Each structure stands twice: as C-alpha cells, then as structure tokens.
Amino acid sequence: MCKLTLQVIQLVEVLAPPLLPPVKFNYTDLDLSSASLNPSPVVARPPPEPATDYAVIDFAATSAAAQAGRDHVRLRENLTRTASVATGNSQQP
C-alpha cells in the first residue's frame, strides 16, 4: 500500500504545472499635495502637413518616348544628308 501511494505522488509531480516566478510590481509614491485643482491649459498643435503626392513612373512609356526621340534625331540626320546630296552641298571630311 505504501508503494501505491508513492506512485500517486510521482504521477502528481509529473502532471503538475510548472511553478511560475512571482510577479513583481514597482510602485512609486506621488506627492500631489502641491498640485492645483485647475487643469493645465491645452496647447494647440499645428495642423499636420499635407501628404506629399509622389509621381508614378511608367517605365514602358518612358522607354518608348526615349526611343521615339532617338528615331526623330536619326530621321532628321538622314533628311539633312539627303537634302545636302540633292543640292550638291555634300561635305567631305
């Protein structure tokens, strides 16, 4: 019978939840004897600045515009050369 009691005690020790450390509270003493009954004035804060709007860059459109600019320059150079040859004002290096 003693052996049975020993086994029950061991089972309770295994199933018992672990003990948590004690919780500590830190309090401070406040001396409010010199506090006035009048609340402090409310200080108005300046309104927040408006949010900044950021531009969204369309990389496909930017690339297409750059290509169009390069094509335009190349076309003008070709037209200038063609006009020079037609008028006989060809430049020799």
Protein backbone atom coordinates (compact mmCIF):
# COMPACT_ATOMS: atom_id res chain seq x y z
CA MET A 1 0.00 0.00 0.00
CA CYS A 2 2.88 2.31 0.63
CA LYS A 3 4.16 1.59 -2.86
CA LEU A 4 0.83 2.66 -4.36
CA THR A 5 0.95 5.99 -2.52
CA LEU A 6 4.48 6.61 -3.77
CA GLN A 7 3.37 6.08 -7.38
CA VAL A 8 0.45 8.51 -6.98
CA ILE A 9 2.76 11.20 -5.64
CA GLN A 10 5.10 10.75 -8.59
CA LEU A 11 2.20 10.99 -11.03
CA VAL A 12 1.00 14.23 -9.44
CA GLU A 13 4.51 15.68 -9.68
CA VAL A 14 4.70 14.83 -13.39
CA LEU A 15 1.26 16.28 -14.22
CA ALA A 16 1.55 19.38 -12.03
CA PRO A 17 2.05 22.63 -13.97
CA PRO A 18 5.44 24.29 -13.53
CA LEU A 19 5.61 26.99 -10.91
CA LEU A 20 5.89 30.48 -12.33
CA PRO A 21 8.20 33.02 -10.75
CA PRO A 22 6.39 35.58 -8.60
CA VAL A 23 5.31 38.76 -10.36
CA LYS A 24 6.92 41.94 -9.05
CA PHE A 25 5.19 45.30 -9.06
CA ASN A 26 7.11 48.53 -8.71
CA TYR A 27 5.15 51.41 -7.23
CA THR A 28 6.22 54.94 -6.59
CA ASP A 29 4.88 57.49 -4.14
CA LEU A 30 3.41 60.58 -5.73
CA ASP A 31 3.25 63.81 -3.76
CA LEU A 32 0.18 65.56 -5.11
CA SER A 33 -0.20 67.98 -2.20
CA SER A 34 1.07 70.95 -4.24
CA ALA A 35 -0.99 70.11 -7.32
CA SER A 36 -3.60 72.69 -8.22
CA LEU A 37 -7.20 71.94 -8.98
CA ASN A 38 -7.02 73.94 -12.20
CA PRO A 39 -6.03 71.82 -15.18
CA SER A 40 -3.12 72.99 -17.27
CA PRO A 41 -4.00 74.88 -20.44
CA VAL A 42 -4.33 72.85 -23.59
CA VAL A 43 -1.60 73.66 -26.07
CA ALA A 44 -2.85 73.60 -29.64
CA ARG A 45 -0.66 71.68 -32.02
CA PRO A 46 -0.14 72.95 -35.55
CA PRO A 47 -2.10 71.05 -38.18
CA PRO A 48 -0.18 68.23 -39.85
CA GLU A 49 1.46 68.96 -43.18
CA PRO A 50 -0.42 67.64 -46.19
CA ALA A 51 0.77 64.36 -47.58
CA THR A 52 3.27 64.52 -50.42
CA ASP A 53 1.99 63.26 -53.73
CA TYR A 54 4.56 61.08 -55.42
CA ALA A 55 4.79 60.58 -59.15
CA VAL A 56 4.42 57.12 -60.60
CA ILE A 57 6.88 56.45 -63.41
CA ASP A 58 5.62 54.39 -66.32
CA PHE A 59 8.85 52.74 -67.46
CA ALA A 60 7.33 51.35 -70.65
CA ALA A 61 6.11 54.82 -71.69
CA THR A 62 9.45 56.40 -70.73
CA SER A 63 11.36 53.85 -72.78
CA ALA A 64 9.02 54.37 -75.75
CA ALA A 65 9.45 58.16 -75.54
CA ALA A 66 13.24 57.81 -75.44
CA GLN A 67 13.15 55.52 -78.48
CA ALA A 68 10.90 57.99 -80.32
CA GLY A 69 13.39 60.77 -79.55
CA ARG A 70 16.29 58.70 -80.93
CA ASP A 71 14.28 57.85 -84.05
CA HIS A 72 13.45 61.52 -84.57
CA VAL A 73 17.13 62.55 -84.37
CA ARG A 74 18.15 59.78 -86.75
CA LEU A 75 15.39 60.74 -89.24
CA ARG A 76 16.43 64.42 -89.18
CA GLU A 77 20.07 63.45 -89.79
CA ASN A 78 19.00 61.28 -92.74
CA LEU A 79 16.84 64.08 -94.16
CA THR A 80 19.70 66.57 -93.79
CA ARG A 81 22.12 64.24 -95.58
CA THR A 82 19.57 63.59 -98.34
CA ALA A 83 18.94 67.31 -98.81
CA SER A 84 22.71 68.00 -98.90
CA VAL A 85 23.26 65.38 -101.57
CA ALA A 86 20.31 66.68 -103.61
CA THR A 87 21.62 70.27 -103.58
CA GLY A 88 25.25 69.25 -104.07
CA ASN A 89 26.40 70.56 -100.72
CA SER A 90 27.99 67.34 -99.65
CA GLN A 91 30.65 67.81 -97.00
CA GLN A 92 33.93 65.96 -97.42
CA PRO A 93 35.81 65.06 -94.24
